[in-house]
PDB file of N, CA and C in Angstrom:
ATOM      1  N   UNK A   1       0.831  -1.174   0.000  1.00  0.00           N
ATOM      2  CA  UNK A   1       0.000   0.000   0.000  1.00  0.00           C
ATOM      3  C   UNK A   1       0.885   1.251   0.000  1.00  0.00           C
ATOM      4  N   UNK A   2       0.634   2.149  -0.922  1.00  0.00           N
ATOM      5  CA  UNK A   2       1.438   3.358  -1.024  1.00  0.00           C
ATOM      6  C   UNK A   2       1.032   4.429  -0.017  1.00  0.00           C
ATOM      7  N   UNK A   3      -0.251   4.525   0.256  1.00  0.00           N
ATOM      8  CA  UNK A   3      -0.754   5.608   1.099  1.00  0.00           C
ATOM      9  C   UNK A   3      -1.460   5.031   2.318  1.00  0.00           C
ATOM     10  N   UNK A   4      -1.168   5.602   3.489  1.00  0.00           N
ATOM     11  CA  UNK A   4      -1.792   5.115   4.714  1.00  0.00           C
ATOM     12  C   UNK A   4      -2.094   6.285   5.638  1.00  0.00           C
ATOM     13  N   UNK A   5      -3.092   6.115   6.478  1.00  0.00           N
ATOM     14  CA  UNK A   5      -3.426   7.092   7.506  1.00  0.00           C
ATOM     15  C   UNK A   5      -2.825   6.596   8.819  1.00  0.00           C
ATOM     16  N   UNK A   6      -2.055   7.431   9.490  1.00  0.00           N
ATOM     17  CA  UNK A   6      -1.387   7.035  10.732  1.00  0.00           C
ATOM     18  C   UNK A   6      -2.380   6.454  11.737  1.00  0.00           C
ATOM     19  N   UNK A   7      -3.536   7.094  11.886  1.00  0.00           N
ATOM     20  CA  UNK A   7      -4.518   6.641  12.872  1.00  0.00           C
ATOM     21  C   UNK A   7      -5.127   5.286  12.529  1.00  0.00           C
ATOM     22  N   UNK A   8      -5.010   4.857  11.266  1.00  0.00           N
ATOM     23  CA  UNK A   8      -5.578   3.573  10.850  1.00  0.00           C
ATOM     24  C   UNK A   8      -4.565   2.429  10.954  1.00  0.00           C
ATOM     25  N   UNK A   9      -3.316   2.741  11.297  1.00  0.00           N
ATOM     26  CA  UNK A   9      -2.281   1.711  11.396  1.00  0.00           C
ATOM     27  C   UNK A   9      -2.483   0.843  12.638  1.00  0.00           C
ATOM     28  N   UNK A  10      -1.957  -0.376  12.596  1.00  0.00           N
ATOM     29  CA  UNK A  10      -1.973  -1.244  13.774  1.00  0.00           C
ATOM     30  C   UNK A  10      -1.266  -0.547  14.926  1.00  0.00           C
ATOM     31  N   UNK A  11      -1.804  -0.711  16.136  1.00  0.00           N
ATOM     32  CA  UNK A  11      -1.197  -0.091  17.313  1.00  0.00           C
ATOM     33  C   UNK A  11      -0.797  -1.154  18.326  1.00  0.00           C
ATOM     34  N   UNK A  12       0.181  -0.775  19.138  1.00  0.00           N
ATOM     35  CA  UNK A  12       0.668  -1.677  20.180  1.00  0.00           C
ATOM     36  C   UNK A  12       1.321  -0.815  21.252  1.00  0.00           C
ATOM     37  N   UNK A  13       1.063  -1.139  22.521  1.00  0.00           N
ATOM     38  CA  UNK A  13       1.735  -0.456  23.619  1.00  0.00           C
ATOM     39  C   UNK A  13       3.009  -1.238  23.920  1.00  0.00           C
ATOM     40  N   UNK A  14       4.167  -0.626  23.634  1.00  0.00           N
ATOM     41  CA  UNK A  14       5.458  -1.290  23.810  1.00  0.00           C
ATOM     42  C   UNK A  14       5.983  -1.083  25.228  1.00  0.00           C
ATOM     43  N   UNK A  15       5.870   0.140  25.718  1.00  0.00           N
ATOM     44  CA  UNK A  15       6.220   0.503  27.097  1.00  0.00           C
ATOM     45  C   UNK A  15       4.971   1.139  27.696  1.00  0.00           C
ATOM     46  N   UNK A  16       4.764   1.049  29.017  1.00  0.00           N
ATOM     47  CA  UNK A  16       3.591   1.703  29.609  1.00  0.00           C
ATOM     48  C   UNK A  16       3.537   3.186  29.231  1.00  0.00           C
ATOM     49  N   UNK A  17       2.401   3.587  28.636  1.00  0.00           N
ATOM     50  CA  UNK A  17       2.210   4.980  28.243  1.00  0.00           C
ATOM     51  C   UNK A  17       2.706   5.310  26.850  1.00  0.00           C
ATOM     52  N   UNK A  18       3.337   4.345  26.146  1.00  0.00           N
ATOM     53  CA  UNK A  18       3.844   4.543  24.788  1.00  0.00           C
ATOM     54  C   UNK A  18       3.049   3.648  23.833  1.00  0.00           C
ATOM     55  N   UNK A  19       2.107   4.227  23.111  1.00  0.00           N
ATOM     56  CA  UNK A  19       1.327   3.478  22.135  1.00  0.00           C
ATOM     57  C   UNK A  19       1.821   3.851  20.752  1.00  0.00           C
ATOM     58  N   UNK A  20       2.238   2.855  19.983  1.00  0.00           N
ATOM     59  CA  UNK A  20       2.813   3.102  18.665  1.00  0.00           C
ATOM     60  C   UNK A  20       1.912   2.679  17.536  1.00  0.00           C
ATOM     61  N   UNK A  21       1.990   3.435  16.451  1.00  0.00           N
ATOM     62  CA  UNK A  21       1.360   3.106  15.173  1.00  0.00           C
ATOM     63  C   UNK A  21       2.520   2.741  14.254  1.00  0.00           C
ATOM     64  N   UNK A  22       2.512   1.557  13.668  1.00  0.00           N
ATOM     65  CA  UNK A  22       3.700   0.977  13.036  1.00  0.00           C
ATOM     66  C   UNK A  22       3.598   0.838  11.524  1.00  0.00           C
ATOM     67  N   UNK A  23       4.704   1.189  10.852  1.00  0.00           N
ATOM     68  CA  UNK A  23       4.899   0.878   9.435  1.00  0.00           C
ATOM     69  C   UNK A  23       6.231   0.139   9.341  1.00  0.00           C
ATOM     70  N   UNK A  24       6.197  -1.033   8.723  1.00  0.00           N
ATOM     71  CA  UNK A  24       7.414  -1.818   8.505  1.00  0.00           C
ATOM     72  C   UNK A  24       7.639  -1.916   6.998  1.00  0.00           C
ATOM     73  N   UNK A  25       8.809  -1.460   6.546  1.00  0.00           N
ATOM     74  CA  UNK A  25       9.189  -1.638   5.146  1.00  0.00           C
ATOM     75  C   UNK A  25      10.172  -2.801   5.078  1.00  0.00           C
ATOM     76  N   UNK A  26      10.755  -3.014   3.913  1.00  0.00           N
ATOM     77  CA  UNK A  26      11.754  -4.078   3.795  1.00  0.00           C
ATOM     78  C   UNK A  26      13.002  -3.786   4.617  1.00  0.00           C
ATOM     79  N   UNK A  27      13.275  -2.500   4.880  1.00  0.00           N
ATOM     80  CA  UNK A  27      14.533  -2.130   5.516  1.00  0.00           C
ATOM     81  C   UNK A  27      14.401  -1.298   6.793  1.00  0.00           C
ATOM     82  N   UNK A  28      13.237  -0.728   7.053  1.00  0.00           N
ATOM     83  CA  UNK A  28      13.084   0.193   8.178  1.00  0.00           C
ATOM     84  C   UNK A  28      11.769  -0.043   8.907  1.00  0.00           C
ATOM     85  N   UNK A  29      11.732   0.439  10.146  1.00  0.00           N
ATOM     86  CA  UNK A  29      10.486   0.492  10.907  1.00  0.00           C
ATOM     87  C   UNK A  29      10.249   1.939  11.306  1.00  0.00           C
ATOM     88  N   UNK A  30       9.033   2.409  11.081  1.00  0.00           N
ATOM     89  CA  UNK A  30       8.604   3.738  11.477  1.00  0.00           C
ATOM     90  C   UNK A  30       7.554   3.572  12.573  1.00  0.00           C
ATOM     91  N   UNK A  31       7.726   4.294  13.672  1.00  0.00           N
ATOM     92  CA  UNK A  31       6.760   4.221  14.768  1.00  0.00           C
ATOM     93  C   UNK A  31       6.299   5.635  15.091  1.00  0.00           C
ATOM     94  N   UNK A  32       4.997   5.864  14.972  1.00  0.00           N
ATOM     95  CA  UNK A  32       4.375   7.121  15.361  1.00  0.00           C
ATOM     96  C   UNK A  32       3.808   6.889  16.758  1.00  0.00           C
ATOM     97  N   UNK A  33       4.472   7.463  17.763  1.00  0.00           N
ATOM     98  CA  UNK A  33       4.112   7.235  19.164  1.00  0.00           C
ATOM     99  C   UNK A  33       3.154   8.293  19.667  1.00  0.00           C
ATOM    100  N   UNK A  34       2.164   7.868  20.446  1.00  0.00           N
ATOM    101  CA  UNK A  34       1.356   8.735  21.300  1.00  0.00           C
ATOM    102  C   UNK A  34       1.827   8.422  22.710  1.00  0.00           C
ATOM    103  N   UNK A  35       2.345   9.433  23.421  1.00  0.00           N
ATOM    104  CA  UNK A  35       2.979   9.206  24.716  1.00  0.00           C
ATOM    105  C   UNK A  35       2.290  10.038  25.785  1.00  0.00           C
ATOM    106  N   UNK A  36       1.977   9.411  26.915  1.00  0.00           N
ATOM    107  CA  UNK A  36       1.334  10.074  28.045  1.00  0.00           C
ATOM    108  C   UNK A  36       2.407  10.723  28.916  1.00  0.00           C
ATOM    109  N   UNK A  37       2.155  11.970  29.322  1.00  0.00           N
ATOM    110  CA  UNK A  37       3.093  12.711  30.173  1.00  0.00           C
ATOM    111  C   UNK A  37       3.518  11.861  31.369  1.00  0.00           C
ATOM    112  N   UNK A  38       4.814  11.883  31.667  1.00  0.00           N
ATOM    113  CA  UNK A  38       5.365  11.123  32.791  1.00  0.00           C
ATOM    114  C   UNK A  38       5.791   9.712  32.437  1.00  0.00           C
ATOM    115  N   UNK A  39       5.415   9.233  31.256  1.00  0.00           N
ATOM    116  CA  UNK A  39       5.809   7.882  30.837  1.00  0.00           C
ATOM    117  C   UNK A  39       7.278   7.885  30.464  1.00  0.00           C
ATOM    118  N   UNK A  40       7.952   6.774  30.763  1.00  0.00           N
ATOM    119  CA  UNK A  40       9.393   6.735  30.511  1.00  0.00           C
ATOM    120  C   UNK A  40       9.822   5.411  29.888  1.00  0.00           C
ATOM    121  N   UNK A  41      10.955   5.493  29.210  1.00  0.00           N
ATOM    122  CA  UNK A  41      11.631   4.320  28.657  1.00  0.00           C
ATOM    123  C   UNK A  41      12.948   4.204  29.408  1.00  0.00           C
ATOM    124  N   UNK A  42      13.195   3.082  30.076  1.00  0.00           N
ATOM    125  CA  UNK A  42      14.448   2.942  30.828  1.00  0.00           C
ATOM    126  C   UNK A  42      15.663   2.890  29.916  1.00  0.00           C
ATOM    127  N   UNK A  43      16.823   3.126  30.488  1.00  0.00           N
ATOM    128  CA  UNK A  43      18.070   3.056  29.723  1.00  0.00           C
ATOM    129  C   UNK A  43      18.187   1.679  29.070  1.00  0.00           C
ATOM    130  N   UNK A  44      18.484   1.688  27.797  1.00  0.00           N
ATOM    131  CA  UNK A  44      18.620   0.458  27.031  1.00  0.00           C
ATOM    132  C   UNK A  44      19.455   0.739  25.783  1.00  0.00           C
ATOM    133  N   UNK A  45      19.775  -0.300  25.070  1.00  0.00           N
ATOM    134  CA  UNK A  45      20.424  -0.163  23.771  1.00  0.00           C
ATOM    135  C   UNK A  45      19.993  -1.316  22.891  1.00  0.00           C
ATOM    136  N   UNK A  46      20.134  -1.132  21.600  1.00  0.00           N
ATOM    137  CA  UNK A  46      19.801  -2.161  20.616  1.00  0.00           C
ATOM    138  C   UNK A  46      20.674  -1.942  19.392  1.00  0.00           C
ATOM    139  N   UNK A  47      20.716  -2.912  18.532  1.00  0.00           N
ATOM    140  CA  UNK A  47      21.589  -2.850  17.360  1.00  0.00           C
ATOM    141  C   UNK A  47      21.132  -1.816  16.331  1.00  0.00           C
ATOM    142  N   UNK A  48      19.872  -1.409  16.407  1.00  0.00           N
ATOM    143  CA  UNK A  48      19.282  -0.543  15.384  1.00  0.00           C
ATOM    144  C   UNK A  48      19.737   0.909  15.507  1.00  0.00           C
ATOM    145  N   UNK A  49      20.008   1.546  14.373  1.00  0.00           N
ATOM    146  CA  UNK A  49      20.110   3.002  14.347  1.00  0.00           C
ATOM    147  C   UNK A  49      18.710   3.540  14.579  1.00  0.00           C
ATOM    148  N   UNK A  50      18.614   4.680  15.247  1.00  0.00           N
ATOM    149  CA  UNK A  50      17.301   5.233  15.582  1.00  0.00           C
ATOM    150  C   UNK A  50      17.339   6.741  15.410  1.00  0.00           C
ATOM    151  N   UNK A  51      16.327   7.257  14.747  1.00  0.00           N
ATOM    152  CA  UNK A  51      16.132   8.703  14.648  1.00  0.00           C
ATOM    153  C   UNK A  51      14.845   9.016  15.383  1.00  0.00           C
ATOM    154  N   UNK A  52      14.923   9.946  16.341  1.00  0.00           N
ATOM    155  CA  UNK A  52      13.770  10.355  17.147  1.00  0.00           C
ATOM    156  C   UNK A  52      13.402  11.780  16.756  1.00  0.00           C
ATOM    157  N   UNK A  53      12.128  12.006  16.439  1.00  0.00           N
ATOM    158  CA  UNK A  53      11.646  13.348  16.129  1.00  0.00           C
ATOM    159  C   UNK A  53      10.427  13.648  16.993  1.00  0.00           C
ATOM    160  N   UNK A  54      10.432  14.813  17.639  1.00  0.00           N
ATOM    161  CA  UNK A  54       9.278  15.252  18.421  1.00  0.00           C
ATOM    162  C   UNK A  54       8.319  15.974  17.477  1.00  0.00           C
ATOM    163  N   UNK A  55       7.106  15.435  17.363  1.00  0.00           N
ATOM    164  CA  UNK A  55       6.085  16.029  16.499  1.00  0.00           C
ATOM    165  C   UNK A  55       5.190  16.987  17.275  1.00  0.00           C
ATOM    166  N   UNK A  56       4.993  16.692  18.567  1.00  0.00           N
ATOM    167  CA  UNK A  56       4.208  17.553  19.458  1.00  0.00           C
ATOM    168  C   UNK A  56       4.707  17.334  20.878  1.00  0.00           C
ATOM    169  N   UNK A  57       4.663  18.383  21.711  1.00  0.00           N
ATOM    170  CA  UNK A  57       4.991  18.257  23.123  1.00  0.00           C
ATOM    171  C   UNK A  57       6.473  18.379  23.414  1.00  0.00           C
ATOM    172  N   UNK A  58       6.853  17.906  24.623  1.00  0.00           N
ATOM    173  CA  UNK A  58       8.248  17.934  25.069  1.00  0.00           C
ATOM    174  C   UNK A  58       8.649  16.552  25.569  1.00  0.00           C
ATOM    175  N   UNK A  59       9.854  16.148  25.199  1.00  0.00           N
ATOM    176  CA  UNK A  59      10.373  14.840  25.562  1.00  0.00           C
ATOM    177  C   UNK A  59      11.828  15.005  25.978  1.00  0.00           C
ATOM    178  N   UNK A  60      12.175  14.468  27.151  1.00  0.00           N
ATOM    179  CA  UNK A  60      13.558  14.521  27.614  1.00  0.00           C
ATOM    180  C   UNK A  60      14.257  13.231  27.200  1.00  0.00           C
ATOM    181  N   UNK A  61      15.320  13.363  26.417  1.00  0.00           N
ATOM    182  CA  UNK A  61      16.044  12.210  25.905  1.00  0.00           C
ATOM    183  C   UNK A  61      17.484  12.266  26.402  1.00  0.00           C
ATOM    184  N   UNK A  62      17.964  11.120  26.882  1.00  0.00           N
ATOM    185  CA  UNK A  62      19.362  10.990  27.281  1.00  0.00           C
ATOM    186  C   UNK A  62      20.014   9.977  26.351  1.00  0.00           C
ATOM    187  N   UNK A  63      21.105  10.397  25.696  1.00  0.00           N
ATOM    188  CA  UNK A  63      21.844   9.531  24.782  1.00  0.00           C
ATOM    189  C   UNK A  63      23.300   9.512  25.225  1.00  0.00           C
ATOM    190  N   UNK A  64      23.771   8.327  25.588  1.00  0.00           N
ATOM    191  CA  UNK A  64      25.171   8.149  25.975  1.00  0.00           C
ATOM    192  C   UNK A  64      25.586   9.156  27.059  1.00  0.00           C
ATOM    193  N   UNK A  65      24.667   9.385  28.028  1.00  0.00           N
ATOM    194  CA  UNK A  65      24.965  10.267  29.153  1.00  0.00           C
ATOM    195  C   UNK A  65      24.654  11.735  28.933  1.00  0.00           C
ATOM    196  N   UNK A  66      24.313  12.141  27.710  1.00  0.00           N
ATOM    197  CA  UNK A  66      23.970  13.541  27.415  1.00  0.00           C
ATOM    198  C   UNK A  66      22.457  13.692  27.358  1.00  0.00           C
ATOM    199  N   UNK A  67      21.911  14.628  28.160  1.00  0.00           N
ATOM    200  CA  UNK A  67      20.465  14.815  28.255  1.00  0.00           C
ATOM    201  C   UNK A  67      20.050  16.122  27.600  1.00  0.00           C
ATOM    202  N   UNK A  68      18.926  16.063  26.870  1.00  0.00           N
ATOM    203  CA  UNK A  68      18.383  17.238  26.192  1.00  0.00           C
ATOM    204  C   UNK A  68      16.871  17.188  26.271  1.00  0.00           C
ATOM    205  N   UNK A  69      16.245  18.333  26.583  1.00  0.00           N
ATOM    206  CA  UNK A  69      14.790  18.450  26.477  1.00  0.00           C
ATOM    207  C   UNK A  69      14.485  18.826  25.038  1.00  0.00           C
ATOM    208  N   UNK A  70      13.750  17.962  24.375  1.00  0.00           N
ATOM    209  CA  UNK A  70      13.429  18.151  22.966  1.00  0.00           C
ATOM    210  C   UNK A  70      12.027  18.719  22.823  1.00  0.00           C
ATOM    211  N   UNK A  71      11.910  19.762  22.011  1.00  0.00           N
ATOM    212  CA  UNK A  71      10.629  20.390  21.704  1.00  0.00           C
ATOM    213  C   UNK A  71      10.195  19.994  20.298  1.00  0.00           C
ATOM    214  N   UNK A  72       8.978  20.382  19.951  1.00  0.00           N
ATOM    215  CA  UNK A  72       8.421  20.099  18.623  1.00  0.00           C
ATOM    216  C   UNK A  72       9.424  20.483  17.536  1.00  0.00           C
ATOM    217  N   UNK A  73       9.652  19.540  16.622  1.00  0.00           N
ATOM    218  CA  UNK A  73      10.534  19.776  15.491  1.00  0.00           C
ATOM    219  C   UNK A  73      11.973  19.356  15.711  1.00  0.00           C
ATOM    220  N   UNK A  74      12.340  19.009  16.949  1.00  0.00           N
ATOM    221  CA  UNK A  74      13.722  18.592  17.217  1.00  0.00           C
ATOM    222  C   UNK A  74      13.905  17.110  16.889  1.00  0.00           C
ATOM    223  N   UNK A  75      15.119  16.768  16.473  1.00  0.00           N
ATOM    224  CA  UNK A  75      15.469  15.408  16.077  1.00  0.00           C
ATOM    225  C   UNK A  75      16.774  14.998  16.748  1.00  0.00           C
ATOM    226  N   UNK A  76      16.870  13.728  17.094  1.00  0.00           N
ATOM    227  CA  UNK A  76      18.116  13.161  17.621  1.00  0.00           C
ATOM    228  C   UNK A  76      18.439  11.907  16.820  1.00  0.00           C
ATOM    229  N   UNK A  77      19.719  11.707  16.543  1.00  0.00           N
ATOM    230  CA  UNK A  77      20.184  10.507  15.848  1.00  0.00           C
ATOM    231  C   UNK A  77      20.942   9.666  16.860  1.00  0.00           C
ATOM    232  N   UNK A  78      20.494   8.421  17.040  1.00  0.00           N
ATOM    233  CA  UNK A  78      21.098   7.511  18.007  1.00  0.00           C
ATOM    234  C   UNK A  78      21.749   6.361  17.244  1.00  0.00           C
ATOM    235  N   UNK A  79      23.070   6.265  17.276  1.00  0.00           N
ATOM    236  CA  UNK A  79      23.729   5.146  16.594  1.00  0.00           C
ATOM    237  C   UNK A  79      23.340   3.806  17.242  1.00  0.00           C
ATOM    238  N   UNK A  80      23.470   2.740  16.497  1.00  0.00           N
ATOM    239  CA  UNK A  80      23.216   1.416  17.052  1.00  0.00           C
ATOM    240  C   UNK A  80      24.122   1.141  18.241  1.00  0.00           C
ATOM    241  N   UNK A  81      23.610   0.337  19.178  1.00  0.00           N
ATOM    242  CA  UNK A  81      24.345  -0.086  20.375  1.00  0.00           C
ATOM    243  C   UNK A  81      24.772   1.078  21.262  1.00  0.00           C
ATOM    244  N   UNK A  82      23.990   2.154  21.265  1.00  0.00           N
ATOM    245  CA  UNK A  82      24.252   3.315  22.117  1.00  0.00           C
ATOM    246  C   UNK A  82      23.167   3.393  23.190  1.00  0.00           C
ATOM    247  N   UNK A  83      23.569   3.518  24.458  1.00  0.00           N
ATOM    248  CA  UNK A  83      22.604   3.573  25.561  1.00  0.00           C
ATOM    249  C   UNK A  83      21.793   4.862  25.486  1.00  0.00           C
ATOM    250  N   UNK A  84      20.469   4.723  25.667  1.00  0.00           N
ATOM    251  CA  UNK A  84      19.577   5.871  25.650  1.00  0.00           C
ATOM    252  C   UNK A  84      18.342   5.591  26.496  1.00  0.00           C
ATOM    253  N   UNK A  85      17.701   6.676  26.958  1.00  0.00           N
ATOM    254  CA  UNK A  85      16.500   6.595  27.788  1.00  0.00           C
ATOM    255  C   UNK A  85      15.708   7.869  27.570  1.00  0.00           C
ATOM    256  N   UNK A  86      14.432   7.862  27.960  1.00  0.00           N
ATOM    257  CA  UNK A  86      13.639   9.071  27.785  1.00  0.00           C
ATOM    258  C   UNK A  86      12.434   9.116  28.689  1.00  0.00           C
ATOM    259  N   UNK A  87      11.907  10.342  28.855  1.00  0.00           N
ATOM    260  CA  UNK A  87      10.691  10.556  29.631  1.00  0.00           C
ATOM    261  C   UNK A  87       9.884  11.673  28.977  1.00  0.00           C
ATOM    262  N   UNK A  88       8.576  11.462  28.913  1.00  0.00           N
ATOM    263  CA  UNK A  88       7.677  12.467  28.349  1.00  0.00           C
ATOM    264  C   UNK A  88       7.399  13.526  29.412  1.00  0.00           C
ATOM    265  N   UNK A  89       7.790  14.751  29.127  1.00  0.00           N
ATOM    266  CA  UNK A  89       7.523  15.860  30.044  1.00  0.00           C
ATOM    267  C   UNK A  89       6.058  16.264  29.943  1.00  0.00           C
ATOM    268  N   UNK A  90       5.536  16.265  28.723  1.00  0.00           N
ATOM    269  CA  UNK A  90       4.124  16.533  28.466  1.00  0.00           C
ATOM    270  C   UNK A  90       3.580  15.365  27.653  1.00  0.00           C
ATOM    271  N   UNK A  91       2.270  15.310  27.460  1.00  0.00           N
ATOM    272  CA  UNK A  91       1.757  14.400  26.445  1.00  0.00           C
ATOM    273  C   UNK A  91       2.476  14.772  25.162  1.00  0.00           C
ATOM    274  N   UNK A  92       2.892  13.788  24.399  1.00  0.00           N
ATOM    275  CA  UNK A  92       3.611  14.128  23.172  1.00  0.00           C
ATOM    276  C   UNK A  92       3.387  13.092  22.091  1.00  0.00           C
ATOM    277  N   UNK A  93       3.755  13.495  20.897  1.00  0.00           N
ATOM    278  CA  UNK A  93       3.755  12.622  19.727  1.00  0.00           C
ATOM    279  C   UNK A  93       5.183  12.604  19.206  1.00  0.00           C
ATOM    280  N   UNK A  94       5.692  11.393  19.030  1.00  0.00           N
ATOM    281  CA  UNK A  94       7.056  11.208  18.555  1.00  0.00           C
ATOM    282  C   UNK A  94       7.030  10.367  17.286  1.00  0.00           C
ATOM    283  N   UNK A  95       8.078  10.501  16.494  1.00  0.00           N
ATOM    284  CA  UNK A  95       8.309   9.599  15.370  1.00  0.00           C
ATOM    285  C   UNK A  95       9.676   8.978  15.566  1.00  0.00           C
ATOM    286  N   UNK A  96       9.729   7.659  15.606  1.00  0.00           N
ATOM    287  CA  UNK A  96      10.992   6.921  15.634  1.00  0.00           C
ATOM    288  C   UNK A  96      11.154   6.211  14.303  1.00  0.00           C
ATOM    289  N   UNK A  97      12.359   6.303  13.758  1.00  0.00           N
ATOM    290  CA  UNK A  97      12.716   5.549  12.554  1.00  0.00           C
ATOM    291  C   UNK A  97      13.875   4.644  12.935  1.00  0.00           C
ATOM    292  N   UNK A  98      13.720   3.353  12.665  1.00  0.00           N
ATOM    293  CA  UNK A  98      14.738   2.356  13.010  1.00  0.00           C
ATOM    294  C   UNK A  98      15.274   1.705  11.740  1.00  0.00           C
ATOM    295  N   UNK A  99      16.580   1.474  11.730  1.00  0.00           N
ATOM    296  CA  UNK A  99      17.230   0.711  10.660  1.00  0.00           C
ATOM    297  C   UNK A  99      18.189  -0.274  11.317  1.00  0.00           C
ATOM    298  N   UNK A 100      18.122  -1.547  11.006  1.00  0.00           N
ATOM    299  CA  UNK A 100      17.143  -2.195  10.144  1.00  0.00           C
ATOM    300  C   UNK A 100      15.790  -2.353  10.845  1.00  0.00           C
ATOM    301  N   UNK A 101      14.905  -3.082  10.199  1.00  0.00           N
ATOM    302  CA  UNK A 101      13.544  -3.318  10.694  1.00  0.00           C
ATOM    303  C   UNK A 101      13.580  -3.861  12.131  1.00  0.00           C
ATOM    304  N   UNK A 102      12.658  -3.380  12.953  1.00  0.00           N
ATOM    305  CA  UNK A 102      12.490  -3.903  14.316  1.00  0.00           C
ATOM    306  C   UNK A 102      11.554  -5.110  14.255  1.00  0.00           C
ATOM    307  N   UNK A 103      12.118  -6.272  14.087  1.00  0.00           N
ATOM    308  CA  UNK A 103      11.306  -7.502  14.031  1.00  0.00           C
ATOM    309  C   UNK A 103      10.516  -7.682  15.318  1.00  0.00           C
ATOM    310  N   UNK A 104      11.084  -7.242  16.459  1.00  0.00           N
ATOM    311  CA  UNK A 104      10.403  -7.406  17.739  1.00  0.00           C
ATOM    312  C   UNK A 104       9.184  -6.499  17.871  1.00  0.00           C
ATOM    313  N   UNK A 105       9.013  -5.529  16.995  1.00  0.00           N
ATOM    314  CA  UNK A 105       7.844  -4.639  17.021  1.00  0.00           C
ATOM    315  C   UNK A 105       6.742  -5.109  16.081  1.00  0.00           C
ATOM    316  N   UNK A 106       6.985  -6.180  15.323  1.00  0.00           N
ATOM    317  CA  UNK A 106       5.951  -6.676  14.393  1.00  0.00           C
ATOM    318  C   UNK A 106       4.873  -7.417  15.157  1.00  0.00           C
TER     319      UNK A 106
END
């Protein structure tokens, strides 16, 4: 399918308070997150490269020990196997792009 509506995509809660709408291509996974204020992702790492973009709200992201409060329109690039964690300061909408595909999110 060439065209899709984000709200019509399959959803799954991966972490408490993080509900994702998922698109999986042959090479990448795109996750449009709806995040409840105060929800957090503990420090972790994975083999995937990850690009995080804040579409709405504020999200505090820590990458390899460096912390930044991200506002709408900000992006962070997280190399594979790099420790990172985050917490939603407000209700927010995020976009994560992973390479390669996140098989565990299917």
